[in-house]
Protein backbone atom coordinates (compact mmCIF):
# COMPACT_ATOMS: atom_id res chain seq x y z
CA UNK A 1 -23.47 -159.50 130.91
CA UNK A 2 -25.39 -156.26 130.89
CA UNK A 3 -23.72 -154.05 128.27
CA UNK A 4 -25.45 -150.96 129.64
CA UNK A 5 -23.73 -151.51 132.98
CA UNK A 6 -20.35 -151.17 131.25
CA UNK A 7 -21.18 -147.71 129.96
CA UNK A 8 -19.80 -144.76 131.96
CA UNK A 9 -22.09 -142.58 134.03
CA UNK A 10 -24.26 -140.26 131.96
CA UNK A 11 -22.69 -137.13 133.44
CA UNK A 12 -19.20 -138.34 132.48
CA UNK A 13 -20.38 -139.24 128.99
CA UNK A 14 -21.89 -135.78 128.62
CA UNK A 15 -18.58 -134.22 129.71
CA UNK A 16 -16.43 -136.11 127.21
CA UNK A 17 -18.94 -136.21 124.36
CA UNK A 18 -18.90 -132.52 123.48
CA UNK A 19 -16.09 -130.18 122.45
CA UNK A 20 -15.27 -127.45 124.92
CA UNK A 21 -13.72 -124.04 124.41
CA UNK A 22 -10.55 -124.12 122.35
CA UNK A 23 -8.33 -122.99 125.21
CA UNK A 24 -9.81 -125.64 127.50
CA UNK A 25 -9.29 -128.38 124.93
CA UNK A 26 -5.74 -127.26 124.22
CA UNK A 27 -4.77 -126.93 127.88
CA UNK A 28 -6.27 -130.32 128.70
CA UNK A 29 -4.43 -132.11 125.90
CA UNK A 30 -1.13 -130.41 126.77
CA UNK A 31 -1.53 -131.35 130.44
CA UNK A 32 -2.39 -134.96 129.60
CA UNK A 33 0.57 -135.21 127.26
CA UNK A 34 2.85 -133.82 129.96
CA UNK A 35 1.66 -136.48 132.40
CA UNK A 36 2.12 -139.10 129.69
CA UNK A 37 5.74 -138.06 129.05
CA UNK A 38 6.55 -137.96 132.78
CA UNK A 39 5.19 -141.46 133.34
CA UNK A 40 6.81 -142.82 130.20
CA UNK A 41 10.12 -141.16 131.01
CA UNK A 42 10.08 -142.46 134.57
CA UNK A 43 10.54 -146.07 133.53
CA UNK A 44 13.40 -148.04 135.05
CA UNK A 45 13.94 -150.51 132.22
CA UNK A 46 17.50 -151.45 131.34
CA UNK A 47 18.96 -151.71 127.85
CA UNK A 48 19.50 -155.44 128.35
CA UNK A 49 15.84 -156.04 129.20
CA UNK A 50 14.66 -153.84 126.33
CA UNK A 51 16.94 -155.64 123.86
CA UNK A 52 15.70 -159.04 124.99
CA UNK A 53 12.15 -158.02 124.06
CA UNK A 54 13.38 -156.59 120.77
CA UNK A 55 15.10 -159.89 119.93
CA UNK A 56 11.73 -161.63 120.23
CA UNK A 57 10.17 -159.08 117.90
CA UNK A 58 12.92 -159.59 115.33
CA UNK A 59 12.61 -163.39 115.60
CA UNK A 60 8.85 -163.07 114.99
CA UNK A 61 9.36 -160.88 111.92
CA UNK A 62 11.98 -163.26 110.55
CA UNK A 63 9.62 -166.16 111.09
CA UNK A 64 7.00 -164.43 108.92
CA UNK A 65 9.66 -163.17 106.45
CA UNK A 66 8.90 -159.47 106.99
CA UNK A 67 12.20 -158.39 108.55
CA UNK A 68 13.09 -155.81 105.90
CA UNK A 69 13.77 -152.73 107.99
CA UNK A 70 17.51 -152.66 107.33
CA UNK A 71 16.96 -152.86 103.59
CA UNK A 72 14.53 -149.95 103.72
CA UNK A 73 16.94 -147.85 105.76
CA UNK A 74 19.86 -148.63 103.44
CA UNK A 75 17.75 -147.63 100.43
CA UNK A 76 16.75 -144.35 102.10
CA UNK A 77 20.34 -143.54 103.04
CA UNK A 78 21.43 -144.11 99.44
CA UNK A 79 19.46 -141.01 98.40
CA UNK A 80 21.40 -137.75 99.02
CA UNK A 81 19.89 -135.48 101.71
CA UNK A 82 16.98 -137.87 102.31
CA UNK A 83 18.21 -139.02 105.75
CA UNK A 84 18.20 -135.42 106.99
CA UNK A 85 14.68 -134.90 105.64
CA UNK A 86 13.49 -138.10 107.30
CA UNK A 87 15.13 -137.14 110.59
CA UNK A 88 13.32 -133.81 110.68
CA UNK A 89 10.07 -135.40 109.48
CA UNK A 90 10.16 -137.93 112.32
CA UNK A 91 9.75 -135.15 114.87
CA UNK A 92 7.87 -132.53 112.83
CA UNK A 93 5.11 -134.76 111.48
CA UNK A 94 4.37 -136.42 114.80
CA UNK A 95 3.99 -133.18 116.76
CA UNK A 96 3.27 -130.52 114.16
CA UNK A 97 1.10 -132.73 111.99
CA UNK A 98 -1.00 -134.00 114.88
CA UNK A 99 -1.46 -130.55 116.43
CA UNK A 100 -2.32 -128.98 113.08
CA UNK A 101 -4.86 -131.72 112.42
CA UNK A 102 -6.56 -131.24 115.79
CA UNK A 103 -6.84 -127.49 115.20
CA UNK A 104 -8.29 -128.11 111.74
CA UNK A 105 -10.75 -130.67 113.06
CA UNK A 106 -11.89 -128.37 115.87
CA UNK A 107 -12.50 -125.48 113.48
CA UNK A 108 -13.94 -127.31 110.48
CA UNK A 109 -15.63 -130.41 111.94
CA UNK A 110 -16.29 -129.63 115.58
CA UNK A 111 -19.05 -132.23 115.76
CA UNK A 112 -16.39 -134.91 115.11
CA UNK A 113 -13.77 -133.49 117.48
CA UNK A 114 -14.87 -135.11 120.74
CA UNK A 115 -14.90 -138.63 119.31
CA UNK A 116 -11.49 -138.28 117.62
CA UNK A 117 -10.05 -136.65 120.77
CA UNK A 118 -11.32 -139.52 122.91
CA UNK A 119 -9.84 -142.05 120.48
CA UNK A 120 -6.49 -140.28 120.70
CA UNK A 121 -6.52 -140.14 124.51
CA UNK A 122 -7.62 -143.76 124.92
CA UNK A 123 -4.98 -145.00 122.47
CA UNK A 124 -2.27 -143.01 124.26
CA UNK A 125 -3.29 -144.41 127.65
CA UNK A 126 -3.19 -147.99 126.33
CA UNK A 127 0.18 -147.39 124.71
CA UNK A 128 1.57 -145.95 127.93
CA UNK A 129 0.55 -149.05 129.89
CA UNK A 130 2.35 -151.26 127.36
CA UNK A 131 5.50 -149.09 127.53
CA UNK A 132 5.65 -149.64 131.28
CA UNK A 133 4.94 -153.37 131.10
CA UNK A 134 6.91 -154.24 127.97
CA UNK A 135 9.96 -152.01 127.37
CA UNK A 136 11.50 -152.61 123.96
CA UNK A 137 14.53 -151.07 122.31
CA UNK A 138 14.06 -149.38 118.93
CA UNK A 139 16.15 -150.66 115.99
CA UNK A 140 18.74 -147.89 116.45
CA UNK A 141 19.49 -149.19 119.99
CA UNK A 142 19.06 -152.89 119.31
CA UNK A 143 22.66 -153.55 118.25
CA UNK A 144 21.57 -154.79 114.83
CA UNK A 145 23.45 -152.36 112.62
CA UNK A 146 20.78 -149.68 112.25
CA UNK A 147 21.73 -146.01 111.90
CA UNK A 148 20.28 -143.39 114.25
CA UNK A 149 18.99 -141.12 111.49
CA UNK A 150 17.40 -138.55 113.80
CA UNK A 151 20.69 -137.97 115.62
CA UNK A 152 22.80 -137.94 112.46
CA UNK A 153 20.34 -136.15 110.20
CA UNK A 154 18.29 -133.86 112.45
CA UNK A 155 21.08 -133.50 115.06
CA UNK A 156 18.69 -134.36 117.89
CA UNK A 157 19.96 -137.10 120.17
CA UNK A 158 16.88 -138.84 121.56
CA UNK A 159 19.07 -140.88 123.91
CA UNK A 160 20.90 -137.95 125.48
CA UNK A 161 20.86 -137.37 129.23
CA UNK A 162 18.78 -134.21 128.80
CA UNK A 163 16.02 -135.83 126.77
CA UNK A 164 16.39 -139.05 128.70
CA UNK A 165 14.98 -137.38 131.80
CA UNK A 166 11.56 -137.01 130.13
CA UNK A 167 11.88 -139.35 127.16
CA UNK A 168 11.99 -143.14 127.44
CA UNK A 169 14.17 -144.54 124.64
CA UNK A 170 12.81 -148.03 125.27
CA UNK A 171 9.18 -147.16 124.52
CA UNK A 172 9.11 -148.55 120.99
CA UNK A 173 6.08 -150.85 121.17
CA UNK A 174 3.51 -149.78 120.15
CA UNK A 175 4.48 -147.04 117.72
CA UNK A 176 2.22 -144.12 118.53
CA UNK A 177 3.95 -142.22 115.74
CA UNK A 178 2.16 -144.62 113.41
CA UNK A 179 -0.93 -144.79 115.62
CA UNK A 180 -1.41 -141.02 115.60
CA UNK A 181 -0.75 -140.95 111.85
CA UNK A 182 -3.48 -143.55 111.39
CA UNK A 183 -5.97 -141.45 113.36
CA UNK A 184 -5.02 -138.32 111.43
CA UNK A 185 -5.01 -140.02 108.04
CA UNK A 186 -8.30 -141.85 108.42
CA UNK A 187 -10.00 -138.72 109.78
CA UNK A 188 -8.75 -136.57 106.92
CA UNK A 189 -9.82 -139.16 104.37
CA UNK A 190 -13.26 -139.38 105.96
CA UNK A 191 -14.03 -135.75 106.85
CA UNK A 192 -12.11 -133.47 104.48
CA UNK A 193 -14.12 -131.86 101.68
CA UNK A 194 -11.26 -131.40 99.22
CA UNK A 195 -10.23 -134.44 97.26
CA UNK A 196 -6.53 -133.57 97.50
CA UNK A 197 -6.72 -133.47 101.30
CA UNK A 198 -8.56 -136.80 101.40
CA UNK A 199 -5.88 -138.39 99.22
CA UNK A 200 -3.14 -136.91 101.41
CA UNK A 201 -4.88 -138.34 104.47
CA UNK A 202 -5.08 -141.79 102.91
CA UNK A 203 -1.34 -141.70 102.11
CA UNK A 204 -0.20 -140.19 105.40
CA UNK A 205 0.02 -143.44 107.45
CA UNK A 206 2.14 -145.05 104.72
CA UNK A 207 4.46 -142.02 104.68
CA UNK A 208 4.81 -142.18 108.46
CA UNK A 209 5.57 -145.91 108.27
CA UNK A 210 8.47 -145.21 105.91
CA UNK A 211 9.72 -142.39 108.15
CA UNK A 212 9.72 -144.37 111.40
CA UNK A 213 11.33 -147.44 109.84
CA UNK A 214 13.90 -145.65 107.68
CA UNK A 215 15.07 -143.57 110.67
CA UNK A 216 15.71 -146.71 112.74
CA UNK A 217 13.08 -145.88 115.35
CA UNK A 218 10.55 -148.67 114.81
CA UNK A 219 10.06 -152.10 113.34
CA UNK A 220 7.08 -153.06 111.22
CA UNK A 221 5.82 -154.96 114.25
CA UNK A 222 5.74 -151.73 116.26
CA UNK A 223 3.56 -150.07 113.63
CA UNK A 224 1.19 -153.04 113.58
CA UNK A 225 0.94 -152.84 117.37
CA UNK A 226 0.21 -149.13 117.07
CA UNK A 227 -2.64 -149.86 114.66
CA UNK A 228 -4.11 -152.42 117.06
CA UNK A 229 -3.89 -149.98 119.97
CA UNK A 230 -5.70 -147.34 117.92
CA UNK A 231 -8.38 -149.89 117.05
CA UNK A 232 -8.93 -150.58 120.74
CA UNK A 233 -8.88 -146.85 121.45
CA UNK A 234 -11.58 -146.41 118.81
CA UNK A 235 -13.78 -148.98 120.54
CA UNK A 236 -13.23 -147.29 123.91
CA UNK A 237 -14.14 -143.93 122.39
CA UNK A 238 -17.35 -145.41 121.01
CA UNK A 239 -18.17 -146.66 124.49
CA UNK A 240 -17.59 -143.37 126.31
CA UNK A 241 -18.71 -140.91 123.64
CA UNK A 242 -22.39 -140.11 123.48
CA UNK A 243 -23.49 -140.15 119.87
CA UNK A 244 -26.59 -138.67 118.31
CA UNK A 245 -27.75 -142.18 117.56
CA UNK A 246 -27.96 -142.86 121.32
CA UNK A 247 -30.79 -140.33 121.55
CA UNK A 248 -32.52 -141.54 118.41
CA UNK A 249 -35.44 -143.45 120.00
CA UNK A 250 -36.07 -140.64 122.49
CA UNK A 251 -36.08 -138.00 119.76
CA UNK A 252 -38.40 -140.05 117.56
CA UNK A 253 -40.80 -140.74 120.42
CA UNK A 254 -40.87 -137.09 121.42
CA UNK A 255 -41.51 -135.98 117.85
CA UNK A 256 -44.32 -138.52 117.47
CA UNK A 257 -45.93 -137.31 120.69
CA UNK A 258 -45.84 -133.70 119.54
CA UNK A 259 -47.31 -134.68 116.16
CA UNK A 260 -50.14 -136.56 117.88
CA UNK A 261 -50.89 -133.56 120.10
CA UNK A 262 -51.09 -131.27 117.08
CA UNK A 263 -53.31 -133.73 115.22
CA UNK A 264 -55.76 -133.93 118.10
CA UNK A 265 -55.79 -130.15 118.46
CA UNK A 266 -56.67 -129.79 114.78
CA UNK A 267 -59.45 -132.37 115.11
CA UNK A 268 -60.94 -130.58 118.13
CA UNK A 269 -60.78 -127.25 116.28
CA UNK A 270 -62.48 -128.76 113.25
CA UNK A 271 -65.25 -130.23 115.41
CA UNK A 272 -65.83 -126.85 117.08
CA UNK A 273 -66.10 -125.14 113.70
CA UNK A 274 -68.52 -127.80 112.49
CA UNK A 275 -70.78 -127.37 115.55
CA UNK A 276 -70.71 -123.60 115.21
CA UNK A 277 -71.77 -123.90 111.57
């Protein structure tokens, strides 16, 4: 198979490979996220169907002896005020943390922005397709004794009729809360100049994992699926994003040609001076 044939058209690659004006980038991402929420919220999955998929996830975790989500939630709820903090963090980190990171990346490392943006968009698109094809109930709706920490702690009912019109409560697999946190964390660890920020980036995915599990919104399996989706999104971004390395041979050849032209010009000038002498 010709790998070059799989690459997008050069004009499209040029469009998605460079950062645009801040307002354009912001408006585009907001519009895409709006479309994402409308499609995700328009699902017609029933609670029974979503729970049947969740039962398979729980059976798989029990088979590999990693079904410890209830223990983690019970431990978190044993700490005074921690459930409320986790409930707020579930919403604030996902939206505020991701937006703040994108603004930081655009301002401080604009040369990296297009690739990270493309990874984020590709991962979101893949996750959306899975939500439509494989609805799964989160732990708090699975009938397994989990507490809805966001509703009880942050007083935001994610399953209410108002939010239900744009928010699909059965879109638990993959966890893009964890997927986004992985993108943010790895990018901070790789690009930040300050050591403290790099350390915070390295720890951020683990913090998000605790938040999403302790609040009863995701299983460990969901987080693992989110990591896989981000990995695929990374590969897609590499395919569609034009990197400097792509132009390497052309740049080298052009530089060599200019060097050869200058060398010949110097030789001709030296010969002319020799004849004149």
